[in-house]
Amino acid sequence: MTKLAFEPHRIAQSQLKALNDNVLVADMEFDTRLSRGGIIIPNDDGTSLGIRPRWGRVYAVGPKQTDVAVGQWIMVAHGRWTRGIDIDDGTADHKVTIRKIDPNDILLVSDDPERPLDDTHSDAVYVPNKSNE
């Protein structure tokens, strides 16, 4: 049977190794978000509307990487990651998208096993100027 180009590559997690100080992440979200006030915040569609840092779970680290460890959550500056490759690593989810990030653009690190709250938008409210009547 022929493998289609868009199917996930089958690879064991133990076979995937990062080199030098490289960091590979999974579980980055690119969907629209909903603010506490019910406002829909668009995803990154190539415009400035969706530009923001993103959280990702560290999937693998190179032997020279000392700042982060596998399993931690890291916040990466906007656009400092590759497009990603889909792999099937045999876990319960089966399909995982792996991205290489720029280790110099790691903004925050969280040891919490749960995904950190993505609260990177402002709670500021726009109030128009009152006209002088």
N, C-alpha and C. Protein backbone atom coordinates (compact mmCIF):
# COMPACT_ATOMS: atom_id res chain seq x y z
N MET A 1 0.84 -1.17 0.00
CA MET A 1 0.00 0.00 0.00
C MET A 1 0.89 1.24 0.00
N THR A 2 0.53 2.23 -0.77
CA THR A 2 1.32 3.46 -0.88
C THR A 2 0.99 4.42 0.26
N LYS A 3 2.03 5.05 0.76
CA LYS A 3 1.85 6.05 1.82
C LYS A 3 1.67 7.41 1.18
N LEU A 4 0.61 8.10 1.56
CA LEU A 4 0.36 9.43 1.04
C LEU A 4 1.28 10.43 1.73
N ALA A 5 1.60 11.51 1.04
CA ALA A 5 2.52 12.50 1.56
C ALA A 5 1.99 13.20 2.81
N PHE A 6 0.67 13.32 2.94
CA PHE A 6 0.12 14.06 4.06
C PHE A 6 -0.20 13.19 5.27
N GLU A 7 0.03 11.89 5.19
CA GLU A 7 -0.18 11.02 6.34
C GLU A 7 0.95 11.22 7.34
N PRO A 8 0.68 11.05 8.65
CA PRO A 8 1.74 11.18 9.64
C PRO A 8 2.83 10.13 9.43
N HIS A 9 4.06 10.52 9.66
CA HIS A 9 5.18 9.59 9.59
C HIS A 9 5.17 8.74 10.85
N ARG A 10 5.34 7.43 10.70
CA ARG A 10 5.39 6.55 11.88
C ARG A 10 6.81 6.55 12.42
N ILE A 11 6.92 6.97 13.68
CA ILE A 11 8.23 7.02 14.32
C ILE A 11 8.03 6.86 15.82
N ALA A 12 8.92 6.12 16.46
CA ALA A 12 8.86 5.96 17.91
C ALA A 12 9.47 7.19 18.56
N GLN A 13 8.89 7.61 19.69
CA GLN A 13 9.40 8.80 20.37
C GLN A 13 10.87 8.63 20.74
N SER A 14 11.27 7.41 21.07
CA SER A 14 12.67 7.17 21.45
C SER A 14 13.62 7.32 20.25
N GLN A 15 13.10 7.24 19.03
CA GLN A 15 13.94 7.40 17.84
C GLN A 15 14.13 8.86 17.46
N LEU A 16 13.31 9.75 17.97
CA LEU A 16 13.36 11.16 17.62
C LEU A 16 14.29 11.87 18.59
N LYS A 17 15.41 12.38 18.09
CA LYS A 17 16.40 13.04 18.94
C LYS A 17 16.69 14.44 18.40
N ALA A 18 16.71 15.39 19.30
CA ALA A 18 17.09 16.75 18.94
C ALA A 18 18.62 16.84 19.01
N LEU A 19 19.21 17.68 18.18
CA LEU A 19 20.65 17.83 18.15
C LEU A 19 21.08 19.10 18.86
N ASN A 20 22.31 19.12 19.35
CA ASN A 20 22.92 20.28 20.00
C ASN A 20 22.00 20.87 21.08
N ASP A 21 21.66 22.17 20.96
CA ASP A 21 20.78 22.78 21.97
C ASP A 21 19.36 22.98 21.44
N ASN A 22 18.99 22.23 20.42
CA ASN A 22 17.66 22.36 19.81
C ASN A 22 16.57 21.87 20.75
N VAL A 23 15.38 22.44 20.58
CA VAL A 23 14.21 22.06 21.35
C VAL A 23 13.08 21.75 20.37
N LEU A 24 12.45 20.58 20.55
CA LEU A 24 11.29 20.19 19.75
C LEU A 24 10.07 20.26 20.65
N VAL A 25 8.98 20.86 20.16
CA VAL A 25 7.76 20.99 20.94
C VAL A 25 6.58 20.36 20.22
N ALA A 26 5.56 20.04 21.00
CA ALA A 26 4.30 19.52 20.49
C ALA A 26 3.18 20.29 21.18
N ASP A 27 1.96 20.04 20.79
CA ASP A 27 0.77 20.59 21.43
C ASP A 27 0.67 22.11 21.40
N MET A 28 1.16 22.74 20.33
CA MET A 28 0.94 24.18 20.18
C MET A 28 -0.44 24.38 19.57
N GLU A 29 -1.17 25.38 20.06
CA GLU A 29 -2.52 25.63 19.56
C GLU A 29 -2.54 26.84 18.63
N PHE A 30 -3.27 26.70 17.55
CA PHE A 30 -3.38 27.77 16.57
C PHE A 30 -4.84 28.08 16.26
N ASP A 31 -5.74 27.69 17.14
CA ASP A 31 -7.17 27.93 16.93
C ASP A 31 -7.56 29.31 17.43
N THR A 32 -8.77 29.72 17.07
CA THR A 32 -9.30 30.97 17.61
C THR A 32 -9.55 30.79 19.10
N ARG A 33 -9.54 31.89 19.82
CA ARG A 33 -9.77 31.85 21.26
C ARG A 33 -10.98 32.71 21.60
N LEU A 34 -11.53 32.46 22.76
CA LEU A 34 -12.68 33.22 23.23
C LEU A 34 -12.28 33.90 24.54
N SER A 35 -12.40 35.23 24.59
CA SER A 35 -12.05 35.96 25.81
C SER A 35 -13.12 35.74 26.87
N ARG A 36 -12.81 36.13 28.10
CA ARG A 36 -13.78 36.00 29.18
C ARG A 36 -15.05 36.79 28.90
N GLY A 37 -14.94 37.84 28.13
CA GLY A 37 -16.09 38.67 27.80
C GLY A 37 -16.86 38.18 26.58
N GLY A 38 -16.43 37.07 25.97
CA GLY A 38 -17.13 36.51 24.83
C GLY A 38 -16.65 37.01 23.47
N ILE A 39 -15.53 37.71 23.45
CA ILE A 39 -15.00 38.22 22.19
C ILE A 39 -14.16 37.12 21.53
N ILE A 40 -14.39 36.90 20.24
CA ILE A 40 -13.62 35.90 19.49
C ILE A 40 -12.33 36.54 19.04
N ILE A 41 -11.22 35.90 19.41
CA ILE A 41 -9.89 36.39 19.03
C ILE A 41 -9.38 35.48 17.92
N PRO A 42 -9.12 36.04 16.72
CA PRO A 42 -8.75 35.20 15.58
C PRO A 42 -7.39 34.52 15.76
N ASN A 43 -7.24 33.43 15.01
CA ASN A 43 -5.96 32.73 15.02
C ASN A 43 -4.95 33.51 14.18
N ASP A 44 -3.74 33.01 14.12
CA ASP A 44 -2.71 33.66 13.32
C ASP A 44 -2.95 33.34 11.86
N ASP A 45 -3.52 34.27 11.15
CA ASP A 45 -3.86 34.05 9.74
C ASP A 45 -2.94 34.85 8.83
N GLY A 46 -1.75 35.18 9.31
CA GLY A 46 -0.82 35.93 8.49
C GLY A 46 -0.96 37.43 8.63
N THR A 47 -1.88 37.87 9.49
CA THR A 47 -2.03 39.30 9.73
C THR A 47 -1.61 39.60 11.16
N SER A 48 -1.60 40.84 11.52
CA SER A 48 -1.19 41.21 12.86
C SER A 48 -2.23 40.85 13.92
N LEU A 49 -3.44 40.47 13.50
CA LEU A 49 -4.50 40.17 14.45
C LEU A 49 -4.20 38.96 15.32
N GLY A 50 -3.50 37.97 14.80
CA GLY A 50 -3.27 36.74 15.56
C GLY A 50 -1.86 36.61 16.08
N ILE A 51 -1.06 37.66 15.97
CA ILE A 51 0.33 37.57 16.38
C ILE A 51 0.41 37.58 17.90
N ARG A 52 0.95 36.52 18.45
CA ARG A 52 1.12 36.39 19.89
C ARG A 52 2.06 35.23 20.19
N PRO A 53 2.66 35.21 21.36
CA PRO A 53 3.47 34.04 21.73
C PRO A 53 2.56 32.84 21.96
N ARG A 54 3.12 31.65 21.90
CA ARG A 54 2.34 30.42 22.06
C ARG A 54 3.02 29.49 23.06
N TRP A 55 2.19 28.70 23.76
CA TRP A 55 2.69 27.66 24.64
C TRP A 55 2.86 26.36 23.86
N GLY A 56 3.89 25.60 24.18
CA GLY A 56 4.11 24.28 23.59
C GLY A 56 4.74 23.37 24.64
N ARG A 57 4.45 22.08 24.53
CA ARG A 57 5.02 21.09 25.44
C ARG A 57 6.33 20.58 24.86
N VAL A 58 7.38 20.58 25.66
CA VAL A 58 8.69 20.12 25.19
C VAL A 58 8.62 18.63 24.91
N TYR A 59 8.93 18.25 23.69
CA TYR A 59 8.86 16.86 23.24
C TYR A 59 10.23 16.20 23.29
N ALA A 60 11.26 16.95 22.91
CA ALA A 60 12.63 16.44 22.93
C ALA A 60 13.60 17.61 23.02
N VAL A 61 14.75 17.39 23.66
CA VAL A 61 15.78 18.41 23.76
C VAL A 61 17.12 17.80 23.36
N GLY A 62 17.99 18.65 22.82
CA GLY A 62 19.32 18.22 22.45
C GLY A 62 20.21 18.09 23.68
N PRO A 63 21.33 17.39 23.55
CA PRO A 63 22.22 17.15 24.69
C PRO A 63 22.86 18.42 25.25
N LYS A 64 22.94 19.48 24.47
CA LYS A 64 23.54 20.73 24.95
C LYS A 64 22.51 21.71 25.51
N GLN A 65 21.24 21.32 25.52
CA GLN A 65 20.18 22.19 26.04
C GLN A 65 20.07 22.02 27.55
N THR A 66 20.28 23.11 28.29
CA THR A 66 20.26 23.05 29.75
C THR A 66 19.12 23.85 30.36
N ASP A 67 18.39 24.61 29.56
CA ASP A 67 17.35 25.49 30.09
C ASP A 67 16.00 24.81 30.29
N VAL A 68 15.67 23.83 29.46
CA VAL A 68 14.36 23.18 29.54
C VAL A 68 14.53 21.67 29.49
N ALA A 69 13.48 20.98 29.92
CA ALA A 69 13.50 19.51 29.93
C ALA A 69 12.23 18.98 29.28
N VAL A 70 12.27 17.74 28.85
CA VAL A 70 11.11 17.09 28.23
C VAL A 70 9.94 17.09 29.21
N GLY A 71 8.76 17.44 28.71
CA GLY A 71 7.55 17.46 29.52
C GLY A 71 7.19 18.84 30.05
N GLN A 72 8.12 19.77 30.08
CA GLN A 72 7.81 21.12 30.53
C GLN A 72 7.01 21.84 29.45
N TRP A 73 6.30 22.89 29.85
CA TRP A 73 5.59 23.77 28.93
C TRP A 73 6.42 25.02 28.78
N ILE A 74 6.59 25.49 27.54
CA ILE A 74 7.36 26.71 27.30
C ILE A 74 6.54 27.66 26.44
N MET A 75 6.71 28.96 26.71
CA MET A 75 6.08 29.97 25.87
C MET A 75 7.15 30.48 24.92
N VAL A 76 6.83 30.48 23.63
CA VAL A 76 7.78 30.84 22.58
C VAL A 76 7.30 32.11 21.90
N ALA A 77 8.23 33.03 21.65
CA ALA A 77 7.89 34.28 20.96
C ALA A 77 7.27 33.96 19.60
N HIS A 78 6.35 34.82 19.17
CA HIS A 78 5.60 34.59 17.94
C HIS A 78 6.51 34.33 16.74
N GLY A 79 6.19 33.28 16.00
CA GLY A 79 6.87 32.99 14.74
C GLY A 79 8.23 32.35 14.88
N ARG A 80 8.66 32.01 16.07
CA ARG A 80 10.00 31.46 16.27
C ARG A 80 9.94 29.93 16.33
N TRP A 81 9.14 29.33 15.43
CA TRP A 81 9.03 27.89 15.32
C TRP A 81 8.88 27.54 13.85
N THR A 82 9.14 26.26 13.54
CA THR A 82 8.98 25.79 12.17
C THR A 82 7.52 25.41 11.92
N ARG A 83 7.21 25.13 10.67
CA ARG A 83 5.84 24.75 10.31
C ARG A 83 5.39 23.47 11.01
N GLY A 84 6.26 22.54 11.19
CA GLY A 84 5.91 21.31 11.89
C GLY A 84 5.76 20.12 10.97
N ILE A 85 5.91 18.96 11.56
CA ILE A 85 5.74 17.71 10.84
C ILE A 85 4.86 16.80 11.69
N ASP A 86 3.91 16.14 11.05
CA ASP A 86 3.02 15.23 11.76
C ASP A 86 3.67 13.87 11.86
N ILE A 87 3.69 13.32 13.08
CA ILE A 87 4.23 11.97 13.27
C ILE A 87 3.21 11.15 14.04
N ASP A 88 3.29 9.85 13.89
CA ASP A 88 2.49 8.90 14.67
C ASP A 88 3.48 8.19 15.57
N ASP A 89 3.49 8.58 16.86
CA ASP A 89 4.49 8.02 17.78
C ASP A 89 3.95 6.87 18.61
N GLY A 90 2.75 6.39 18.29
CA GLY A 90 2.20 5.23 18.98
C GLY A 90 1.56 5.55 20.32
N THR A 91 1.45 6.81 20.69
CA THR A 91 0.78 7.17 21.94
C THR A 91 -0.73 7.12 21.73
N ALA A 92 -1.46 7.42 22.78
CA ALA A 92 -2.93 7.38 22.70
C ALA A 92 -3.48 8.34 21.66
N ASP A 93 -2.84 9.51 21.52
CA ASP A 93 -3.31 10.48 20.54
C ASP A 93 -2.92 10.09 19.12
N HIS A 94 -1.87 9.32 18.97
CA HIS A 94 -1.31 8.84 17.71
C HIS A 94 -0.70 9.94 16.85
N LYS A 95 -1.45 10.96 16.49
CA LYS A 95 -0.90 12.00 15.63
C LYS A 95 -0.41 13.17 16.48
N VAL A 96 0.86 13.51 16.31
CA VAL A 96 1.47 14.62 17.05
C VAL A 96 2.17 15.50 16.03
N THR A 97 2.00 16.83 16.14
CA THR A 97 2.71 17.76 15.27
C THR A 97 3.92 18.27 16.04
N ILE A 98 5.11 18.02 15.50
CA ILE A 98 6.36 18.41 16.14
C ILE A 98 6.90 19.64 15.42
N ARG A 99 7.35 20.63 16.22
CA ARG A 99 7.95 21.84 15.67
C ARG A 99 9.28 22.10 16.36
N LYS A 100 10.25 22.57 15.59
CA LYS A 100 11.52 23.01 16.17
C LYS A 100 11.35 24.48 16.51
N ILE A 101 11.76 24.85 17.72
CA ILE A 101 11.66 26.25 18.12
C ILE A 101 13.06 26.82 18.28
N ASP A 102 13.13 28.13 18.25
CA ASP A 102 14.40 28.82 18.47
C ASP A 102 14.63 28.90 19.97
N PRO A 103 15.66 28.22 20.51
CA PRO A 103 15.87 28.22 21.96
C PRO A 103 16.13 29.61 22.54
N ASN A 104 16.57 30.56 21.72
CA ASN A 104 16.82 31.92 22.20
C ASN A 104 15.52 32.70 22.41
N ASP A 105 14.41 32.18 21.91
CA ASP A 105 13.13 32.89 22.01
C ASP A 105 12.15 32.21 22.95
N ILE A 106 12.66 31.46 23.91
CA ILE A 106 11.81 30.90 24.96
C ILE A 106 11.57 32.01 25.98
N LEU A 107 10.31 32.36 26.18
CA LEU A 107 9.96 33.47 27.07
C LEU A 107 9.67 33.02 28.50
N LEU A 108 8.95 31.91 28.65
CA LEU A 108 8.56 31.41 29.97
C LEU A 108 8.66 29.89 29.99
N VAL A 109 8.85 29.33 31.18
CA VAL A 109 8.89 27.88 31.36
C VAL A 109 7.96 27.52 32.51
N SER A 110 7.17 26.46 32.34
CA SER A 110 6.26 26.00 33.38
C SER A 110 6.49 24.52 33.61
N ASP A 111 6.64 24.13 34.88
CA ASP A 111 6.82 22.72 35.24
C ASP A 111 5.49 22.01 35.44
N ASP A 112 4.39 22.77 35.43
CA ASP A 112 3.07 22.18 35.64
C ASP A 112 2.76 21.21 34.50
N PRO A 113 2.32 20.00 34.82
CA PRO A 113 2.03 19.02 33.75
C PRO A 113 0.82 19.41 32.89
N GLU A 114 -0.06 20.27 33.40
CA GLU A 114 -1.22 20.72 32.64
C GLU A 114 -0.85 21.91 31.77
N ARG A 115 -1.57 22.08 30.67
CA ARG A 115 -1.33 23.23 29.78
C ARG A 115 -1.57 24.52 30.55
N PRO A 116 -0.62 25.46 30.50
CA PRO A 116 -0.84 26.75 31.16
C PRO A 116 -1.98 27.52 30.50
N LEU A 117 -2.63 28.36 31.28
CA LEU A 117 -3.71 29.19 30.76
C LEU A 117 -3.15 30.15 29.73
N ASP A 118 -3.74 30.16 28.55
CA ASP A 118 -3.28 31.04 27.48
C ASP A 118 -4.03 32.35 27.61
N ASP A 119 -3.54 33.19 28.49
CA ASP A 119 -4.19 34.46 28.79
C ASP A 119 -3.31 35.60 28.30
N THR A 120 -2.90 35.51 27.02
CA THR A 120 -1.95 36.49 26.49
C THR A 120 -2.62 37.69 25.85
N HIS A 121 -3.93 37.81 25.98
CA HIS A 121 -4.60 38.98 25.44
C HIS A 121 -4.94 39.93 26.57
N SER A 122 -5.10 41.16 26.25
CA SER A 122 -5.33 42.21 27.24
C SER A 122 -6.79 42.24 27.69
N ASP A 123 -7.00 42.64 28.94
CA ASP A 123 -8.36 42.84 29.44
C ASP A 123 -8.79 44.29 29.29
N ALA A 124 -7.98 45.09 28.60
CA ALA A 124 -8.30 46.51 28.44
C ALA A 124 -9.60 46.67 27.66
N VAL A 125 -10.33 47.69 28.00
CA VAL A 125 -11.61 47.97 27.36
C VAL A 125 -11.47 49.26 26.57
N TYR A 126 -11.95 49.28 25.35
CA TYR A 126 -11.91 50.47 24.52
C TYR A 126 -13.09 51.36 24.89
N VAL A 127 -12.81 52.56 25.29
CA VAL A 127 -13.86 53.53 25.62
C VAL A 127 -13.65 54.73 24.72
N PRO A 128 -14.62 55.05 23.85
CA PRO A 128 -14.46 56.19 22.93
C PRO A 128 -14.43 57.51 23.71
N ASN A 129 -13.74 58.48 23.16
CA ASN A 129 -13.71 59.80 23.77
C ASN A 129 -15.08 60.44 23.72
N LYS A 130 -15.40 61.14 24.81
CA LYS A 130 -16.67 61.85 24.83
C LYS A 130 -16.51 63.15 24.07
N SER A 131 -17.47 63.44 23.23
CA SER A 131 -17.38 64.69 22.47
C SER A 131 -17.76 65.86 23.39
N ASN A 132 -17.13 66.97 23.15
CA ASN A 132 -17.44 68.17 23.95
C ASN A 132 -18.73 68.78 23.41
N GLU A 133 -19.77 68.68 24.17
CA GLU A 133 -21.06 69.23 23.75
C GLU A 133 -21.39 70.47 24.47
